[in-house]
Amino acid sequence: MLLESLANKIIIDLFEYLKPVYILQAFHNLNIRLNNLLFYYLRIHTFDFQSVSDIDFDNVCQQYLLSIVDQIISIRLPNNNNIPYEIDRFLAHDFSFQQFTRLQSLILDYNSCQHVQDKILFELHNISIELTHLTVI
């Protein structure tokens, strides 16, 4: 049985078992239908980088994120043992929160230095997105 022969609902259900980072790496640009399902999934789930390796993090930031940045409604950038200073690294990839035109929720788990906090707050203050939830842990 081919993956493409499964109903959309079943494919979305399969996505529930994977992190968006891995779904993106596995299914992005395989075909239009899977892209549409991927974009649908990203519009209803948090793009969570928690427990993602530094190699996968950099790979997604460099190869995929720019092409789907307008599909993401929620993103979580943790600062954990797997990727210390992940938020700093995210910003180092030259992303601007203004590029996330559908962003409604931003979750930041970190104890970052003051200049990074100031940069994020300045950027969030000067953008015109529909951010309704900002969580800093």
N, C-alpha and C. Protein backbone atom coordinates (compact mmCIF):
# COMPACT_ATOMS: atom_id res chain seq x y z
N MET A 1 0.84 -1.18 0.00
CA MET A 1 0.00 0.00 0.00
C MET A 1 0.89 1.24 0.00
N LEU A 2 0.55 2.19 -0.83
CA LEU A 2 1.29 3.44 -0.92
C LEU A 2 0.73 4.46 0.06
N LEU A 3 1.61 5.29 0.58
CA LEU A 3 1.18 6.35 1.49
C LEU A 3 0.15 7.26 0.81
N GLU A 4 0.36 7.53 -0.46
CA GLU A 4 -0.54 8.42 -1.19
C GLU A 4 -1.96 7.86 -1.32
N SER A 5 -2.11 6.55 -1.14
CA SER A 5 -3.45 5.96 -1.25
C SER A 5 -4.26 6.08 0.04
N LEU A 6 -3.62 6.51 1.12
CA LEU A 6 -4.33 6.68 2.39
C LEU A 6 -5.19 7.94 2.36
N ALA A 7 -6.25 7.91 3.12
CA ALA A 7 -7.13 9.09 3.24
C ALA A 7 -6.38 10.21 3.95
N ASN A 8 -6.76 11.45 3.64
CA ASN A 8 -6.13 12.62 4.27
C ASN A 8 -6.16 12.53 5.79
N LYS A 9 -7.29 12.11 6.34
CA LYS A 9 -7.44 12.02 7.80
C LYS A 9 -6.42 11.06 8.39
N ILE A 10 -6.16 9.97 7.73
CA ILE A 10 -5.19 8.99 8.24
C ILE A 10 -3.78 9.55 8.19
N ILE A 11 -3.46 10.26 7.13
CA ILE A 11 -2.12 10.87 7.03
C ILE A 11 -1.94 11.92 8.12
N ILE A 12 -2.95 12.74 8.34
CA ILE A 12 -2.89 13.73 9.43
C ILE A 12 -2.74 13.02 10.77
N ASP A 13 -3.47 11.93 10.96
CA ASP A 13 -3.34 11.15 12.20
C ASP A 13 -1.92 10.61 12.36
N LEU A 14 -1.30 10.19 11.27
CA LEU A 14 0.09 9.73 11.32
C LEU A 14 1.04 10.86 11.73
N PHE A 15 0.76 12.06 11.24
CA PHE A 15 1.58 13.22 11.58
C PHE A 15 1.59 13.47 13.09
N GLU A 16 0.50 13.11 13.76
CA GLU A 16 0.39 13.33 15.20
C GLU A 16 1.49 12.62 15.98
N TYR A 17 2.06 11.58 15.42
CA TYR A 17 3.08 10.80 16.11
C TYR A 17 4.50 11.32 15.88
N LEU A 18 4.63 12.34 15.06
CA LEU A 18 5.94 12.87 14.71
C LEU A 18 6.03 14.35 15.05
N LYS A 19 7.23 14.82 15.28
CA LYS A 19 7.45 16.25 15.47
C LYS A 19 7.37 16.94 14.11
N PRO A 20 6.84 18.16 14.08
CA PRO A 20 6.76 18.88 12.80
C PRO A 20 8.09 18.97 12.06
N VAL A 21 9.19 19.06 12.80
CA VAL A 21 10.50 19.11 12.17
C VAL A 21 10.74 17.87 11.31
N TYR A 22 10.39 16.71 11.84
CA TYR A 22 10.62 15.47 11.11
C TYR A 22 9.59 15.26 10.00
N ILE A 23 8.37 15.72 10.22
CA ILE A 23 7.35 15.66 9.17
C ILE A 23 7.82 16.50 7.98
N LEU A 24 8.32 17.67 8.27
CA LEU A 24 8.80 18.57 7.23
C LEU A 24 9.94 17.93 6.44
N GLN A 25 10.90 17.35 7.15
CA GLN A 25 12.04 16.73 6.46
C GLN A 25 11.60 15.53 5.62
N ALA A 26 10.61 14.81 6.09
CA ALA A 26 10.19 13.59 5.38
C ALA A 26 9.23 13.85 4.22
N PHE A 27 8.34 14.83 4.36
CA PHE A 27 7.24 14.95 3.40
C PHE A 27 7.24 16.22 2.55
N HIS A 28 8.05 17.22 2.90
CA HIS A 28 8.02 18.48 2.16
C HIS A 28 8.44 18.28 0.71
N ASN A 29 7.62 18.78 -0.18
CA ASN A 29 7.86 18.75 -1.63
C ASN A 29 7.89 17.36 -2.26
N LEU A 30 7.28 16.38 -1.61
CA LEU A 30 7.15 15.07 -2.27
C LEU A 30 6.08 15.14 -3.36
N ASN A 31 4.96 15.77 -3.02
CA ASN A 31 3.93 16.04 -4.02
C ASN A 31 2.99 17.11 -3.47
N ILE A 32 2.13 17.63 -4.31
CA ILE A 32 1.25 18.74 -3.92
C ILE A 32 0.31 18.34 -2.79
N ARG A 33 -0.24 17.15 -2.87
CA ARG A 33 -1.20 16.71 -1.85
C ARG A 33 -0.53 16.65 -0.47
N LEU A 34 0.66 16.04 -0.40
CA LEU A 34 1.35 15.96 0.89
C LEU A 34 1.78 17.34 1.38
N ASN A 35 2.17 18.22 0.47
CA ASN A 35 2.47 19.60 0.87
C ASN A 35 1.25 20.27 1.47
N ASN A 36 0.10 20.10 0.83
CA ASN A 36 -1.13 20.70 1.36
C ASN A 36 -1.48 20.14 2.73
N LEU A 37 -1.32 18.84 2.92
CA LEU A 37 -1.57 18.24 4.23
C LEU A 37 -0.56 18.74 5.26
N LEU A 38 0.68 18.87 4.85
CA LEU A 38 1.71 19.39 5.74
C LEU A 38 1.38 20.82 6.16
N PHE A 39 1.00 21.66 5.21
CA PHE A 39 0.67 23.05 5.53
C PHE A 39 -0.56 23.12 6.43
N TYR A 40 -1.54 22.27 6.16
CA TYR A 40 -2.72 22.21 7.02
C TYR A 40 -2.31 21.85 8.44
N TYR A 41 -1.48 20.84 8.57
CA TYR A 41 -1.03 20.39 9.88
C TYR A 41 -0.29 21.51 10.62
N LEU A 42 0.57 22.24 9.92
CA LEU A 42 1.33 23.32 10.54
C LEU A 42 0.44 24.48 10.97
N ARG A 43 -0.70 24.63 10.31
CA ARG A 43 -1.62 25.71 10.68
C ARG A 43 -2.42 25.38 11.94
N ILE A 44 -2.41 24.13 12.37
CA ILE A 44 -3.19 23.77 13.56
C ILE A 44 -2.33 23.21 14.69
N HIS A 45 -1.01 23.14 14.49
CA HIS A 45 -0.13 22.60 15.52
C HIS A 45 1.08 23.51 15.74
N THR A 46 1.67 23.38 16.90
CA THR A 46 2.87 24.15 17.22
C THR A 46 4.09 23.53 16.53
N PHE A 47 4.85 24.38 15.89
CA PHE A 47 6.12 23.94 15.30
C PHE A 47 7.12 23.94 16.45
N ASP A 48 7.34 22.76 17.01
CA ASP A 48 8.08 22.62 18.26
C ASP A 48 9.48 22.08 17.99
N PHE A 49 10.48 22.87 18.39
CA PHE A 49 11.87 22.45 18.21
C PHE A 49 12.41 21.72 19.44
N GLN A 50 11.57 21.49 20.43
CA GLN A 50 12.04 20.82 21.64
C GLN A 50 12.48 19.39 21.33
N SER A 51 13.59 18.99 21.90
CA SER A 51 14.17 17.65 21.74
C SER A 51 14.59 17.34 20.30
N VAL A 52 14.93 18.36 19.55
CA VAL A 52 15.42 18.19 18.18
C VAL A 52 16.93 18.36 18.22
N SER A 53 17.64 17.52 17.51
CA SER A 53 19.11 17.61 17.51
C SER A 53 19.57 18.91 16.86
N ASP A 54 20.78 19.31 17.18
CA ASP A 54 21.30 20.55 16.60
C ASP A 54 21.45 20.43 15.09
N ILE A 55 21.77 19.24 14.59
CA ILE A 55 21.88 19.04 13.13
C ILE A 55 20.52 19.21 12.47
N ASP A 56 19.48 18.60 13.03
CA ASP A 56 18.14 18.74 12.47
C ASP A 56 17.64 20.17 12.58
N PHE A 57 17.95 20.82 13.69
CA PHE A 57 17.56 22.22 13.87
C PHE A 57 18.15 23.09 12.77
N ASP A 58 19.46 22.99 12.58
CA ASP A 58 20.11 23.80 11.54
C ASP A 58 19.63 23.42 10.15
N ASN A 59 19.42 22.14 9.90
CA ASN A 59 18.93 21.68 8.60
C ASN A 59 17.56 22.29 8.29
N VAL A 60 16.66 22.24 9.24
CA VAL A 60 15.32 22.80 9.03
C VAL A 60 15.39 24.30 8.82
N CYS A 61 16.17 24.99 9.64
CA CYS A 61 16.29 26.44 9.50
C CYS A 61 16.89 26.83 8.15
N GLN A 62 17.86 26.09 7.68
CA GLN A 62 18.55 26.43 6.44
C GLN A 62 17.80 25.99 5.18
N GLN A 63 17.14 24.83 5.23
CA GLN A 63 16.59 24.27 4.01
C GLN A 63 15.08 24.38 3.86
N TYR A 64 14.35 24.44 4.96
CA TYR A 64 12.89 24.31 4.86
C TYR A 64 12.10 25.51 5.38
N LEU A 65 12.55 26.07 6.47
CA LEU A 65 11.70 27.02 7.19
C LEU A 65 11.30 28.23 6.35
N LEU A 66 12.21 28.75 5.58
CA LEU A 66 11.88 29.93 4.78
C LEU A 66 10.73 29.67 3.81
N SER A 67 10.63 28.46 3.29
CA SER A 67 9.57 28.15 2.32
C SER A 67 8.21 27.92 2.98
N ILE A 68 8.18 27.71 4.29
CA ILE A 68 6.90 27.46 4.97
C ILE A 68 6.61 28.49 6.06
N VAL A 69 7.44 29.50 6.15
CA VAL A 69 7.33 30.46 7.25
C VAL A 69 5.93 31.10 7.31
N ASP A 70 5.27 31.25 6.18
CA ASP A 70 3.94 31.86 6.16
C ASP A 70 2.83 30.87 6.51
N GLN A 71 3.17 29.62 6.79
CA GLN A 71 2.18 28.61 7.16
C GLN A 71 2.14 28.35 8.67
N ILE A 72 3.15 28.78 9.38
CA ILE A 72 3.29 28.46 10.80
C ILE A 72 2.49 29.43 11.65
N ILE A 73 1.63 28.88 12.52
CA ILE A 73 0.84 29.74 13.42
C ILE A 73 1.37 29.73 14.84
N SER A 74 2.16 28.71 15.18
CA SER A 74 2.69 28.60 16.53
C SER A 74 4.08 27.99 16.47
N ILE A 75 5.01 28.59 17.19
CA ILE A 75 6.37 28.07 17.20
C ILE A 75 6.89 28.07 18.63
N ARG A 76 7.64 27.01 18.94
CA ARG A 76 8.25 26.89 20.26
C ARG A 76 9.75 26.75 20.09
N LEU A 77 10.48 27.66 20.74
CA LEU A 77 11.93 27.64 20.70
C LEU A 77 12.46 27.42 22.11
N PRO A 78 12.77 26.19 22.44
CA PRO A 78 13.27 25.91 23.79
C PRO A 78 14.77 26.15 23.88
N ASN A 79 15.23 26.30 25.07
CA ASN A 79 16.66 26.35 25.35
C ASN A 79 16.94 25.16 26.24
N ASN A 80 17.33 24.05 25.64
CA ASN A 80 17.47 22.83 26.41
C ASN A 80 18.86 22.24 26.26
N ASN A 81 19.06 21.09 26.84
CA ASN A 81 20.38 20.46 26.80
C ASN A 81 20.77 20.01 25.40
N ASN A 82 19.79 19.68 24.56
CA ASN A 82 20.12 19.24 23.20
C ASN A 82 20.72 20.37 22.38
N ILE A 83 20.13 21.54 22.51
CA ILE A 83 20.61 22.68 21.73
C ILE A 83 20.67 23.90 22.65
N PRO A 84 21.79 24.11 23.33
CA PRO A 84 21.87 25.31 24.16
C PRO A 84 21.84 26.55 23.27
N TYR A 85 21.22 27.59 23.77
CA TYR A 85 21.12 28.87 23.05
C TYR A 85 20.39 28.72 21.72
N GLU A 86 19.37 27.89 21.71
CA GLU A 86 18.62 27.63 20.47
C GLU A 86 17.99 28.91 19.92
N ILE A 87 17.47 29.75 20.77
CA ILE A 87 16.85 30.99 20.30
C ILE A 87 17.90 31.86 19.63
N ASP A 88 19.06 31.96 20.25
CA ASP A 88 20.15 32.72 19.64
C ASP A 88 20.50 32.15 18.26
N ARG A 89 20.55 30.84 18.16
CA ARG A 89 20.86 30.19 16.89
C ARG A 89 19.76 30.44 15.86
N PHE A 90 18.52 30.41 16.31
CA PHE A 90 17.40 30.69 15.42
C PHE A 90 17.54 32.09 14.83
N LEU A 91 17.81 33.06 15.68
CA LEU A 91 17.98 34.44 15.22
C LEU A 91 19.22 34.58 14.34
N ALA A 92 20.23 33.77 14.59
CA ALA A 92 21.45 33.82 13.78
C ALA A 92 21.21 33.35 12.34
N HIS A 93 20.12 32.62 12.11
CA HIS A 93 19.77 32.19 10.75
C HIS A 93 19.04 33.31 9.99
N ASP A 94 19.07 34.51 10.54
CA ASP A 94 18.48 35.70 9.92
C ASP A 94 16.97 35.62 9.74
N PHE A 95 16.31 34.95 10.66
CA PHE A 95 14.85 34.95 10.64
C PHE A 95 14.34 36.16 11.39
N SER A 96 13.27 36.68 10.90
CA SER A 96 12.57 37.77 11.57
C SER A 96 11.18 37.26 11.89
N PHE A 97 10.69 37.59 13.06
CA PHE A 97 9.34 37.15 13.41
C PHE A 97 8.30 37.77 12.48
N GLN A 98 8.65 38.85 11.82
CA GLN A 98 7.73 39.47 10.87
C GLN A 98 7.50 38.57 9.65
N GLN A 99 8.42 37.69 9.36
CA GLN A 99 8.25 36.75 8.25
C GLN A 99 7.14 35.74 8.54
N PHE A 100 6.87 35.51 9.81
CA PHE A 100 5.84 34.55 10.22
C PHE A 100 4.49 35.27 10.21
N THR A 101 3.94 35.46 9.04
CA THR A 101 2.76 36.30 8.87
C THR A 101 1.50 35.75 9.53
N ARG A 102 1.45 34.46 9.80
CA ARG A 102 0.29 33.86 10.46
C ARG A 102 0.55 33.54 11.93
N LEU A 103 1.69 33.94 12.44
CA LEU A 103 2.08 33.57 13.79
C LEU A 103 1.10 34.13 14.82
N GLN A 104 0.54 33.24 15.61
CA GLN A 104 -0.39 33.62 16.67
C GLN A 104 0.17 33.31 18.05
N SER A 105 1.09 32.34 18.13
CA SER A 105 1.61 31.91 19.41
C SER A 105 3.12 31.72 19.32
N LEU A 106 3.82 32.30 20.27
CA LEU A 106 5.27 32.17 20.34
C LEU A 106 5.62 31.72 21.75
N ILE A 107 6.30 30.59 21.84
CA ILE A 107 6.70 30.03 23.13
C ILE A 107 8.22 30.01 23.17
N LEU A 108 8.77 30.72 24.15
CA LEU A 108 10.22 30.80 24.31
C LEU A 108 10.59 30.21 25.65
N ASP A 109 11.34 29.12 25.64
CA ASP A 109 11.84 28.50 26.87
C ASP A 109 13.32 28.85 26.97
N TYR A 110 13.65 29.81 27.78
CA TYR A 110 15.07 30.14 27.80
C TYR A 110 15.47 31.03 28.97
N ASN A 111 16.75 31.00 29.21
CA ASN A 111 17.43 31.93 30.10
C ASN A 111 18.54 32.54 29.26
N SER A 112 18.16 33.39 28.36
CA SER A 112 19.11 33.92 27.41
C SER A 112 19.68 35.24 27.92
N CYS A 113 20.69 35.71 27.25
CA CYS A 113 21.30 36.96 27.66
C CYS A 113 20.37 38.13 27.35
N GLN A 114 20.60 39.22 28.02
CA GLN A 114 19.72 40.38 27.94
C GLN A 114 19.61 40.93 26.52
N HIS A 115 20.70 40.94 25.76
CA HIS A 115 20.62 41.52 24.41
C HIS A 115 19.70 40.71 23.50
N VAL A 116 19.63 39.40 23.69
CA VAL A 116 18.72 38.57 22.89
C VAL A 116 17.28 38.84 23.31
N GLN A 117 17.03 38.94 24.60
CA GLN A 117 15.69 39.29 25.08
C GLN A 117 15.26 40.63 24.52
N ASP A 118 16.15 41.61 24.57
CA ASP A 118 15.83 42.94 24.05
C ASP A 118 15.54 42.90 22.55
N LYS A 119 16.33 42.12 21.81
CA LYS A 119 16.13 42.01 20.36
C LYS A 119 14.76 41.40 20.05
N ILE A 120 14.40 40.35 20.77
CA ILE A 120 13.10 39.70 20.55
C ILE A 120 11.96 40.65 20.88
N LEU A 121 12.04 41.30 22.03
CA LEU A 121 10.97 42.22 22.43
C LEU A 121 10.87 43.40 21.47
N PHE A 122 11.99 43.93 21.01
CA PHE A 122 11.97 45.02 20.05
C PHE A 122 11.31 44.58 18.75
N GLU A 123 11.70 43.40 18.29
CA GLU A 123 11.14 42.89 17.04
C GLU A 123 9.64 42.64 17.17
N LEU A 124 9.22 42.05 18.28
CA LEU A 124 7.79 41.78 18.48
C LEU A 124 6.99 43.07 18.59
N HIS A 125 7.60 44.09 19.15
CA HIS A 125 6.91 45.38 19.29
C HIS A 125 6.70 46.06 17.93
N ASN A 126 7.58 45.81 17.00
CA ASN A 126 7.56 46.51 15.71
C ASN A 126 7.01 45.69 14.55
N ILE A 127 6.29 44.64 14.83
CA ILE A 127 5.74 43.84 13.75
C ILE A 127 4.22 43.90 13.74
N SER A 128 3.68 43.55 12.61
CA SER A 128 2.22 43.59 12.47
C SER A 128 1.69 42.19 12.19
N ILE A 129 1.92 41.29 13.12
CA ILE A 129 1.36 39.95 13.00
C ILE A 129 0.26 39.81 14.03
N GLU A 130 -0.47 38.74 13.95
CA GLU A 130 -1.61 38.52 14.83
C GLU A 130 -1.23 37.74 16.08
N LEU A 131 -0.09 38.05 16.67
CA LEU A 131 0.37 37.32 17.84
C LEU A 131 -0.59 37.55 19.00
N THR A 132 -1.20 36.47 19.46
CA THR A 132 -2.14 36.56 20.57
C THR A 132 -1.62 35.90 21.83
N HIS A 133 -0.58 35.06 21.69
CA HIS A 133 -0.01 34.37 22.85
C HIS A 133 1.51 34.45 22.80
N LEU A 134 2.08 35.00 23.85
CA LEU A 134 3.52 35.02 24.02
C LEU A 134 3.81 34.39 25.37
N THR A 135 4.52 33.28 25.35
CA THR A 135 4.86 32.58 26.59
C THR A 135 6.37 32.52 26.72
N VAL A 136 6.88 33.02 27.83
CA VAL A 136 8.31 32.96 28.11
C VAL A 136 8.48 32.13 29.37
N ILE A 137 9.19 31.01 29.22
CA ILE A 137 9.37 30.09 30.34
C ILE A 137 10.82 30.15 30.79
